[in-house]
């Protein structure tokens, strides 16, 4: 048995589902769509890389729900946005943006923080900001660039349990 839940930013339960779990005849995309069906249109859903994928982002956008999250390899982030970790510095990124439907843009890409992070968002537009991050071996934080999608993800996923 697996329990899946959506919580609000304060950690309060919004919706839950108990199932046999993904890999047991239940697809993660279907679990997310089921849980998200109770959300209002325009809601933003933040997800970690277990749940995040380009296909899930598109499915949610067709329901009127925005999303932002990290994505595992082979979950739809185009190879054209890949970064070479041997040639990257912390703060390097590469992403693409396309139109899912009339009102929704899909932003997908890679960002190098302490390692490569793949991300997807239907809520962000590809803007970049500066953020203070720890650098391996350094005492003081350094200022690097980060896609706004990753800044918001890091801000709002702190409530995930």
C-alpha atoms as a PDB file:
ATOM      1  CA  UNK A   1       0.000   0.000   0.000  1.00  0.00           C
ATOM      2  CA  UNK A   2       1.144   3.508  -0.803  1.00  0.00           C
ATOM      3  CA  UNK A   3      -0.254   6.778   0.492  1.00  0.00           C
ATOM      4  CA  UNK A   4      -0.018   9.908  -1.675  1.00  0.00           C
ATOM      5  CA  UNK A   5      -0.994  13.371  -0.491  1.00  0.00           C
ATOM      6  CA  UNK A   6      -1.215  16.998  -1.497  1.00  0.00           C
ATOM      7  CA  UNK A   7      -0.650  19.490   1.306  1.00  0.00           C
ATOM      8  CA  UNK A   8      -0.937  23.253   1.469  1.00  0.00           C
ATOM      9  CA  UNK A   9       2.126  25.436   2.192  1.00  0.00           C
ATOM     10  CA  UNK A  10       1.542  24.985   5.932  1.00  0.00           C
ATOM     11  CA  UNK A  11       1.570  21.195   5.695  1.00  0.00           C
ATOM     12  CA  UNK A  12      -2.199  20.727   6.090  1.00  0.00           C
ATOM     13  CA  UNK A  13      -3.689  17.879   4.102  1.00  0.00           C
ATOM     14  CA  UNK A  14      -5.652  18.945   1.012  1.00  0.00           C
ATOM     15  CA  UNK A  15      -6.243  15.563  -0.627  1.00  0.00           C
ATOM     16  CA  UNK A  16      -4.893  12.031  -0.304  1.00  0.00           C
ATOM     17  CA  UNK A  17      -5.048   8.733  -2.111  1.00  0.00           C
ATOM     18  CA  UNK A  18      -4.222   5.255  -0.920  1.00  0.00           C
ATOM     19  CA  UNK A  19      -3.311   2.806  -3.656  1.00  0.00           C
ATOM     20  CA  UNK A  20      -1.247  -0.188  -4.451  1.00  0.00           C
ATOM     21  CA  UNK A  21       1.247   2.343  -5.794  1.00  0.00           C
ATOM     22  CA  UNK A  22       3.092   3.072  -9.022  1.00  0.00           C
ATOM     23  CA  UNK A  23       4.533  -0.032 -10.581  1.00  0.00           C
ATOM     24  CA  UNK A  24       1.492  -1.945  -9.353  1.00  0.00           C
ATOM     25  CA  UNK A  25      -0.740  -1.042 -12.279  1.00  0.00           C
ATOM     26  CA  UNK A  26      -1.021   2.616 -11.235  1.00  0.00           C
ATOM     27  CA  UNK A  27       0.861   5.323 -13.157  1.00  0.00           C
ATOM     28  CA  UNK A  28       2.333   8.284 -11.264  1.00  0.00           C
ATOM     29  CA  UNK A  29       0.752  10.650 -13.798  1.00  0.00           C
ATOM     30  CA  UNK A  30      -2.688   9.176 -12.997  1.00  0.00           C
ATOM     31  CA  UNK A  31      -2.095   9.494  -9.239  1.00  0.00           C
ATOM     32  CA  UNK A  32      -1.203  13.188  -9.626  1.00  0.00           C
ATOM     33  CA  UNK A  33      -4.189  13.914 -11.883  1.00  0.00           C
ATOM     34  CA  UNK A  34      -6.489  12.164  -9.400  1.00  0.00           C
ATOM     35  CA  UNK A  35      -5.138  14.149  -6.436  1.00  0.00           C
ATOM     36  CA  UNK A  36      -5.096  17.430  -8.368  1.00  0.00           C
ATOM     37  CA  UNK A  37      -8.695  17.021  -9.542  1.00  0.00           C
ATOM     38  CA  UNK A  38      -9.832  18.551  -6.234  1.00  0.00           C
ATOM     39  CA  UNK A  39      -7.727  21.705  -6.693  1.00  0.00           C
ATOM     40  CA  UNK A  40      -9.039  24.982  -8.063  1.00  0.00           C
ATOM     41  CA  UNK A  41      -7.999  26.096 -11.527  1.00  0.00           C
ATOM     42  CA  UNK A  42      -4.953  28.344 -11.333  1.00  0.00           C
ATOM     43  CA  UNK A  43      -3.489  26.479  -8.352  1.00  0.00           C
ATOM     44  CA  UNK A  44       0.297  25.895  -8.432  1.00  0.00           C
ATOM     45  CA  UNK A  45       1.451  22.392  -7.508  1.00  0.00           C
ATOM     46  CA  UNK A  46       5.113  21.906  -6.516  1.00  0.00           C
ATOM     47  CA  UNK A  47       6.484  18.373  -6.911  1.00  0.00           C
ATOM     48  CA  UNK A  48       9.737  16.573  -6.340  1.00  0.00           C
ATOM     49  CA  UNK A  49      11.443  14.419  -8.932  1.00  0.00           C
ATOM     50  CA  UNK A  50       9.476  11.266  -8.054  1.00  0.00           C
ATOM     51  CA  UNK A  51       6.298  12.913  -9.325  1.00  0.00           C
ATOM     52  CA  UNK A  52       7.649  15.465 -11.799  1.00  0.00           C
ATOM     53  CA  UNK A  53       7.697  14.836 -15.541  1.00  0.00           C
ATOM     54  CA  UNK A  54       7.004  16.779 -18.696  1.00  0.00           C
ATOM     55  CA  UNK A  55       3.933  14.644 -19.439  1.00  0.00           C
ATOM     56  CA  UNK A  56       2.528  15.280 -15.943  1.00  0.00           C
ATOM     57  CA  UNK A  57       3.111  19.033 -16.368  1.00  0.00           C
ATOM     58  CA  UNK A  58       1.194  18.992 -19.654  1.00  0.00           C
ATOM     59  CA  UNK A  59      -1.638  16.897 -18.157  1.00  0.00           C
ATOM     60  CA  UNK A  60      -1.996  19.296 -15.223  1.00  0.00           C
ATOM     61  CA  UNK A  61      -1.966  22.344 -17.500  1.00  0.00           C
ATOM     62  CA  UNK A  62      -4.890  20.867 -19.454  1.00  0.00           C
ATOM     63  CA  UNK A  63      -6.749  20.689 -16.112  1.00  0.00           C
ATOM     64  CA  UNK A  64      -6.013  24.384 -15.482  1.00  0.00           C
ATOM     65  CA  UNK A  65      -3.422  23.622 -12.784  1.00  0.00           C
ATOM     66  CA  UNK A  66       0.119  24.999 -12.919  1.00  0.00           C
ATOM     67  CA  UNK A  67       3.098  23.032 -11.696  1.00  0.00           C
ATOM     68  CA  UNK A  68       6.772  23.407 -10.923  1.00  0.00           C
ATOM     69  CA  UNK A  69       9.213  20.728  -9.914  1.00  0.00           C
ATOM     70  CA  UNK A  70      12.317  18.706 -10.372  1.00  0.00           C
ATOM     71  CA  UNK A  71      12.441  15.859 -12.863  1.00  0.00           C
ATOM     72  CA  UNK A  72      14.390  12.612 -13.044  1.00  0.00           C
ATOM     73  CA  UNK A  73      16.405  11.665 -16.083  1.00  0.00           C
ATOM     74  CA  UNK A  74      14.311  10.212 -18.928  1.00  0.00           C
ATOM     75  CA  UNK A  75      11.147  12.031 -17.813  1.00  0.00           C
ATOM     76  CA  UNK A  76      10.930  14.304 -20.833  1.00  0.00           C
ATOM     77  CA  UNK A  77      13.477  17.086 -20.329  1.00  0.00           C
ATOM     78  CA  UNK A  78      15.073  17.581 -23.770  1.00  0.00           C
ATOM     79  CA  UNK A  79      18.670  16.490 -24.249  1.00  0.00           C
ATOM     80  CA  UNK A  80      19.299  19.866 -25.908  1.00  0.00           C
ATOM     81  CA  UNK A  81      19.206  21.458 -22.430  1.00  0.00           C
ATOM     82  CA  UNK A  82      21.686  19.052 -20.829  1.00  0.00           C
ATOM     83  CA  UNK A  83      24.761  20.451 -19.114  1.00  0.00           C
ATOM     84  CA  UNK A  84      28.183  18.817 -19.015  1.00  0.00           C
ATOM     85  CA  UNK A  85      29.083  18.648 -15.297  1.00  0.00           C
ATOM     86  CA  UNK A  86      32.802  18.626 -16.137  1.00  0.00           C
ATOM     87  CA  UNK A  87      32.438  21.981 -17.897  1.00  0.00           C
ATOM     88  CA  UNK A  88      29.901  23.651 -15.588  1.00  0.00           C
ATOM     89  CA  UNK A  89      30.175  26.086 -12.759  1.00  0.00           C
ATOM     90  CA  UNK A  90      27.621  26.456 -10.015  1.00  0.00           C
ATOM     91  CA  UNK A  91      24.837  28.662 -11.384  1.00  0.00           C
ATOM     92  CA  UNK A  92      25.071  27.548 -15.021  1.00  0.00           C
ATOM     93  CA  UNK A  93      21.730  26.677 -16.607  1.00  0.00           C
ATOM     94  CA  UNK A  94      20.165  25.879 -19.934  1.00  0.00           C
ATOM     95  CA  UNK A  95      16.444  25.694 -20.638  1.00  0.00           C
ATOM     96  CA  UNK A  96      13.831  25.768 -23.368  1.00  0.00           C
ATOM     97  CA  UNK A  97      10.358  27.227 -23.407  1.00  0.00           C
ATOM     98  CA  UNK A  98       7.403  26.224 -25.553  1.00  0.00           C
ATOM     99  CA  UNK A  99       3.687  26.886 -25.625  1.00  0.00           C
ATOM    100  CA  UNK A 100       1.501  24.053 -24.276  1.00  0.00           C
ATOM    101  CA  UNK A 101      -1.767  25.787 -25.092  1.00  0.00           C
ATOM    102  CA  UNK A 102      -2.911  29.379 -25.549  1.00  0.00           C
ATOM    103  CA  UNK A 103      -2.338  30.418 -21.946  1.00  0.00           C
ATOM    104  CA  UNK A 104       0.387  28.074 -20.697  1.00  0.00           C
ATOM    105  CA  UNK A 105       4.121  28.024 -21.370  1.00  0.00           C
ATOM    106  CA  UNK A 106       6.234  25.010 -20.513  1.00  0.00           C
ATOM    107  CA  UNK A 107       9.761  25.727 -19.284  1.00  0.00           C
ATOM    108  CA  UNK A 108      12.125  22.747 -19.067  1.00  0.00           C
ATOM    109  CA  UNK A 109      15.832  22.570 -18.494  1.00  0.00           C
ATOM    110  CA  UNK A 110      18.881  21.880 -16.395  1.00  0.00           C
ATOM    111  CA  UNK A 111      20.506  23.979 -13.665  1.00  0.00           C
ATOM    112  CA  UNK A 112      23.832  23.302 -11.973  1.00  0.00           C
ATOM    113  CA  UNK A 113      23.629  23.896  -8.235  1.00  0.00           C
ATOM    114  CA  UNK A 114      25.681  21.448  -6.172  1.00  0.00           C
ATOM    115  CA  UNK A 115      24.902  18.999  -8.979  1.00  0.00           C
ATOM    116  CA  UNK A 116      22.750  18.874 -12.095  1.00  0.00           C
ATOM    117  CA  UNK A 117      19.058  19.545 -11.418  1.00  0.00           C
ATOM    118  CA  UNK A 118      16.432  18.911 -14.120  1.00  0.00           C
ATOM    119  CA  UNK A 119      13.280  20.990 -13.844  1.00  0.00           C
ATOM    120  CA  UNK A 120       9.893  21.659 -15.406  1.00  0.00           C
ATOM    121  CA  UNK A 121       7.409  24.476 -14.855  1.00  0.00           C
ATOM    122  CA  UNK A 122       4.156  25.651 -16.370  1.00  0.00           C
ATOM    123  CA  UNK A 123       4.030  28.560 -13.924  1.00  0.00           C
ATOM    124  CA  UNK A 124       7.284  30.348 -14.772  1.00  0.00           C
ATOM    125  CA  UNK A 125       8.429  32.141 -17.886  1.00  0.00           C
ATOM    126  CA  UNK A 126      12.163  31.475 -17.943  1.00  0.00           C
ATOM    127  CA  UNK A 127      13.291  34.478 -15.921  1.00  0.00           C
ATOM    128  CA  UNK A 128      16.491  34.213 -13.911  1.00  0.00           C
ATOM    129  CA  UNK A 129      17.476  35.801 -10.593  1.00  0.00           C
ATOM    130  CA  UNK A 130      20.459  35.768  -8.287  1.00  0.00           C
ATOM    131  CA  UNK A 131      20.564  33.583  -5.201  1.00  0.00           C
ATOM    132  CA  UNK A 132      23.091  33.001  -2.432  1.00  0.00           C
ATOM    133  CA  UNK A 133      24.240  29.378  -2.224  1.00  0.00           C
ATOM    134  CA  UNK A 134      26.898  27.407  -0.415  1.00  0.00           C
ATOM    135  CA  UNK A 135      29.871  26.358  -2.493  1.00  0.00           C
ATOM    136  CA  UNK A 136      31.669  23.136  -1.676  1.00  0.00           C
ATOM    137  CA  UNK A 137      34.735  23.865   0.447  1.00  0.00           C
ATOM    138  CA  UNK A 138      33.793  27.532   1.040  1.00  0.00           C
ATOM    139  CA  UNK A 139      32.688  29.083   4.325  1.00  0.00           C
ATOM    140  CA  UNK A 140      30.907  32.093   2.840  1.00  0.00           C
ATOM    141  CA  UNK A 141      27.976  31.853   0.462  1.00  0.00           C
ATOM    142  CA  UNK A 142      28.433  32.887  -3.140  1.00  0.00           C
ATOM    143  CA  UNK A 143      25.955  34.619  -5.446  1.00  0.00           C
ATOM    144  CA  UNK A 144      24.908  32.583  -8.481  1.00  0.00           C
ATOM    145  CA  UNK A 145      22.169  32.756 -11.081  1.00  0.00           C
ATOM    146  CA  UNK A 146      19.160  30.476 -10.811  1.00  0.00           C
ATOM    147  CA  UNK A 147      15.997  30.064 -12.883  1.00  0.00           C
ATOM    148  CA  UNK A 148      13.028  31.523 -10.972  1.00  0.00           C
ATOM    149  CA  UNK A 149      11.393  28.099 -11.227  1.00  0.00           C
ATOM    150  CA  UNK A 150      14.148  26.616  -9.070  1.00  0.00           C
ATOM    151  CA  UNK A 151      14.085  29.501  -6.613  1.00  0.00           C
ATOM    152  CA  UNK A 152      10.344  29.026  -6.066  1.00  0.00           C
ATOM    153  CA  UNK A 153      10.726  25.242  -5.939  1.00  0.00           C
ATOM    154  CA  UNK A 154      13.337  25.545  -3.184  1.00  0.00           C
ATOM    155  CA  UNK A 155      11.171  28.067  -1.337  1.00  0.00           C
ATOM    156  CA  UNK A 156       7.931  26.068  -1.389  1.00  0.00           C
ATOM    157  CA  UNK A 157       9.173  22.482  -1.228  1.00  0.00           C
ATOM    158  CA  UNK A 158      10.569  23.015   2.270  1.00  0.00           C
ATOM    159  CA  UNK A 159       7.095  22.086   3.481  1.00  0.00           C
ATOM    160  CA  UNK A 160       7.140  18.679   1.792  1.00  0.00           C
ATOM    161  CA  UNK A 161       7.528  15.783   4.191  1.00  0.00           C
END
